[in-house]
Every structure is written in C-alpha cells, then in structure tokens.
C-alpha atoms as a PDB file:
ATOM      1  CA  ASN A   1      -0.131  -0.035   0.059  1.00  0.00           C
ATOM      2  CA  LYS A   2       0.912   3.586  -0.146  1.00  0.00           C
ATOM      3  CA  SER A   3       0.302   6.935   1.338  1.00  0.00           C
ATOM      4  CA  ASN A   4      -2.768   8.701   0.227  1.00  0.00           C
ATOM      5  CA  GLU A   5      -3.992  12.015   1.470  1.00  0.00           C
ATOM      6  CA  SER A   6      -7.458  13.146   1.008  1.00  0.00           C
ATOM      7  CA  GLY A   7      -9.705  16.068   1.585  1.00  0.00           C
ATOM      8  CA  THR A   8     -10.664  19.248   0.156  1.00  0.00           C
ATOM      9  CA  ILE A   9      -9.604  22.828   1.536  1.00  0.00           C
ATOM     10  CA  LYS A  10     -12.395  24.492   3.249  1.00  0.00           C
ATOM     11  CA  TRP A  11     -11.451  28.398   2.725  1.00  0.00           C
ATOM     12  CA  LYS A  12     -12.577  31.114   5.504  1.00  0.00           C
ATOM     13  CA  ASP A  13     -14.163  34.339   4.272  1.00  0.00           C
ATOM     14  CA  GLY A  14     -13.920  33.686   0.631  1.00  0.00           C
ATOM     15  CA  THR A  15     -10.172  33.775   0.657  1.00  0.00           C
ATOM     16  CA  SER A  16      -9.643  30.687  -1.583  1.00  0.00           C
ATOM     17  CA  ARG A  17      -6.246  30.313  -3.318  1.00  0.00           C
ATOM     18  CA  LYS A  18      -5.187  28.084  -6.096  1.00  0.00           C
ATOM     19  CA  LEU A  19      -2.697  25.330  -5.235  1.00  0.00           C
ATOM     20  CA  ILE A  20       0.182  25.801  -7.482  1.00  0.00           C
ATOM     21  CA  SER A  21       2.530  22.836  -6.145  1.00  0.00           C
ATOM     22  CA  LYS A  22       1.549  19.869  -4.055  1.00  0.00           C
ATOM     23  CA  GLU A  23       3.757  16.783  -3.316  1.00  0.00           C
ATOM     24  CA  LYS A  24       2.638  13.619  -1.595  1.00  0.00           C
ATOM     25  CA  ILE A  25       2.986  13.906   2.152  1.00  0.00           C
ATOM     26  CA  GLU A  26       5.172  10.859   3.411  1.00  0.00           C
ATOM     27  CA  ALA A  27       3.933   9.168   6.506  1.00  0.00           C
ATOM     28  CA  PRO A  28       5.958   8.818   9.578  1.00  0.00           C
ATOM     29  CA  GLU A  29       7.728   5.287   9.445  1.00  0.00           C
ATOM     30  CA  GLU A  30       5.833   3.777  12.247  1.00  0.00           C
ATOM     31  CA  ILE A  31       2.752   4.525  10.321  1.00  0.00           C
ATOM     32  CA  SER A  32       3.634   2.835   7.371  1.00  0.00           C
ATOM     33  CA  GLU A  33       5.230  -0.129   9.044  1.00  0.00           C
ATOM     34  CA  LYS A  34       2.098  -0.933  10.987  1.00  0.00           C
ATOM     35  CA  GLY A  35      -0.302  -0.235   8.095  1.00  0.00           C
ATOM     36  CA  LEU A  36      -2.466   2.289   9.891  1.00  0.00           C
ATOM     37  CA  LYS A  37      -4.667   4.855   8.865  1.00  0.00           C
ATOM     38  CA  VAL A  38      -4.501   8.166  10.500  1.00  0.00           C
ATOM     39  CA  ASN A  39      -6.558  11.365  10.268  1.00  0.00           C
ATOM     40  CA  LEU A  40      -5.491  14.904  11.231  1.00  0.00           C
ATOM     41  CA  THR A  41      -7.361  18.140  10.705  1.00  0.00           C
ATOM     42  CA  ILE A  42      -5.589  21.505  10.654  1.00  0.00           C
ATOM     43  CA  LYS A  43      -6.457  25.034  10.197  1.00  0.00           C
ATOM     44  CA  PHE A  44      -3.459  26.954   8.329  1.00  0.00           C
ATOM     45  CA  THR A  45      -2.771  30.209   6.962  1.00  0.00           C
ATOM     46  CA  VAL A  46      -1.208  30.993   3.782  1.00  0.00           C
ATOM     47  CA  ASN A  47       0.876  34.156   3.508  1.00  0.00           C
ATOM     48  CA  ASN A  48       0.856  36.656   0.488  1.00  0.00           C
ATOM     49  CA  ASN A  49       3.712  34.729  -1.068  1.00  0.00           C
ATOM     50  CA  GLY A  50       1.814  31.356  -1.124  1.00  0.00           C
ATOM     51  CA  PHE A  51       3.478  29.925   1.765  1.00  0.00           C
ATOM     52  CA  ILE A  52       2.030  28.317   4.734  1.00  0.00           C
ATOM     53  CA  GLU A  53       2.833  30.326   7.515  1.00  0.00           C
ATOM     54  CA  ARG A  54       0.915  29.032  10.432  1.00  0.00           C
ATOM     55  CA  VAL A  55      -0.958  25.581  11.442  1.00  0.00           C
ATOM     56  CA  ILE A  56      -3.321  24.897  14.277  1.00  0.00           C
ATOM     57  CA  ILE A  57      -4.309  21.368  14.957  1.00  0.00           C
ATOM     58  CA  ILE A  58      -8.101  21.050  15.117  1.00  0.00           C
ATOM     59  CA  GLU A  59      -8.319  17.353  15.572  1.00  0.00           C
ATOM     60  CA  SER A  60      -5.258  15.274  16.508  1.00  0.00           C
ATOM     61  CA  SER A  61      -4.413  11.924  15.060  1.00  0.00           C
ATOM     62  CA  GLY A  62      -3.904  10.981  18.690  1.00  0.00           C
ATOM     63  CA  ASN A  63      -0.082  11.237  18.492  1.00  0.00           C
ATOM     64  CA  ILE A  64       1.518  14.588  18.673  1.00  0.00           C
ATOM     65  CA  LEU A  65       4.721  13.413  17.151  1.00  0.00           C
ATOM     66  CA  TRP A  66       3.064  12.237  14.012  1.00  0.00           C
ATOM     67  CA  ASP A  67       0.885  15.369  13.863  1.00  0.00           C
ATOM     68  CA  ASN A  68       4.237  17.444  13.849  1.00  0.00           C
ATOM     69  CA  TYR A  69       5.664  15.243  11.169  1.00  0.00           C
ATOM     70  CA  ILE A  70       2.770  15.430   8.911  1.00  0.00           C
ATOM     71  CA  ILE A  71       2.404  19.178   9.536  1.00  0.00           C
ATOM     72  CA  GLU A  72       6.094  19.952   8.643  1.00  0.00           C
ATOM     73  CA  GLN A  73       5.582  17.804   5.434  1.00  0.00           C
ATOM     74  CA  PHE A  74       2.407  19.670   4.547  1.00  0.00           C
ATOM     75  CA  LYS A  75       4.278  23.171   5.243  1.00  0.00           C
ATOM     76  CA  LYS A  76       7.003  22.075   2.720  1.00  0.00           C
ATOM     77  CA  LYS A  77       5.009  20.448   0.109  1.00  0.00           C
ATOM     78  CA  TYR A  78       1.943  22.578  -0.495  1.00  0.00           C
ATOM     79  CA  ILE A  79       2.566  25.971  -2.312  1.00  0.00           C
ATOM     80  CA  PHE A  80      -0.269  28.333  -3.271  1.00  0.00           C
ATOM     81  CA  GLU A  81      -0.700  31.133  -5.890  1.00  0.00           C
ATOM     82  CA  GLN A  82       0.681  34.611  -4.469  1.00  0.00           C
ATOM     83  CA  SER A  83      -1.968  37.209  -3.666  1.00  0.00           C
ATOM     84  CA  ASN A  84      -2.319  40.623  -2.122  1.00  0.00           C
ATOM     85  CA  PHE A  85      -4.090  38.880   0.931  1.00  0.00           C
ATOM     86  CA  THR A  86      -3.594  36.001   3.252  1.00  0.00           C
ATOM     87  CA  SER A  87      -5.706  33.103   3.221  1.00  0.00           C
ATOM     88  CA  THR A  88      -7.153  30.799   5.986  1.00  0.00           C
ATOM     89  CA  GLY A  89      -8.165  27.229   5.313  1.00  0.00           C
ATOM     90  CA  ILE A  90      -9.321  24.054   7.272  1.00  0.00           C
ATOM     91  CA  LEU A  91      -8.094  20.484   5.669  1.00  0.00           C
ATOM     92  CA  GLU A  92      -8.466  17.105   6.734  1.00  0.00           C
ATOM     93  CA  ILE A  93      -5.494  14.840   5.983  1.00  0.00           C
ATOM     94  CA  THR A  94      -6.026  11.149   5.843  1.00  0.00           C
ATOM     95  CA  ILE A  95      -2.927   9.005   5.635  1.00  0.00           C
ATOM     96  CA  ASN A  96      -3.618   5.302   4.852  1.00  0.00           C
ATOM     97  CA  TYR A  97      -1.519   2.300   4.356  1.00  0.00           C
END
C-alpha cells in the first residue's frame, strides 16, 4: 500500500487560493510499518507569497509526534498562488497504509 491524502480545503471568508504545487505527504515510518490509517484536521494560514505560515491542530491523530511530522511535510509540500491577501483554510489529512 501507499500513502494517500484526501480532503478538500475549506477556505474561510471567501479567501480561496489556487494550489500551484502539491507533493505527496510522506507518513512517519511507524504508520507505514504498522499499516495504519491516520486522520489529522488542521487550520492553516497562507501568506501573500503562497507559503503556509501557521498551522493549528483542530483534531489530532492521537499522536503529537505524528501530527508534527505530517504538518512539517504539509508546510513544505503545499504551495499556493501569490496574492495581495492572506488566506485561512481548514483541511483534513488522511494517510492510509
């Protein structure tokens, strides 16, 4: 099996942003070794340059180390179009092995 993220970004206040680059989020080794399914829901802010600036956990996977690992991957691998405003979105990330 392989990692698989799902979910649609729900944008707040009509400030939607086009995703211009998205790479697959790699799961922590423990998740892939054990064949687990993990859900993490986050709220994030995209700055004017299209990079993720801040992430808040809304619903944890139950393991803060996994949460932090997944969030770091998300921040590096999702890049949005530049704009003259910041955007706030909510996303549920599901990793399934």
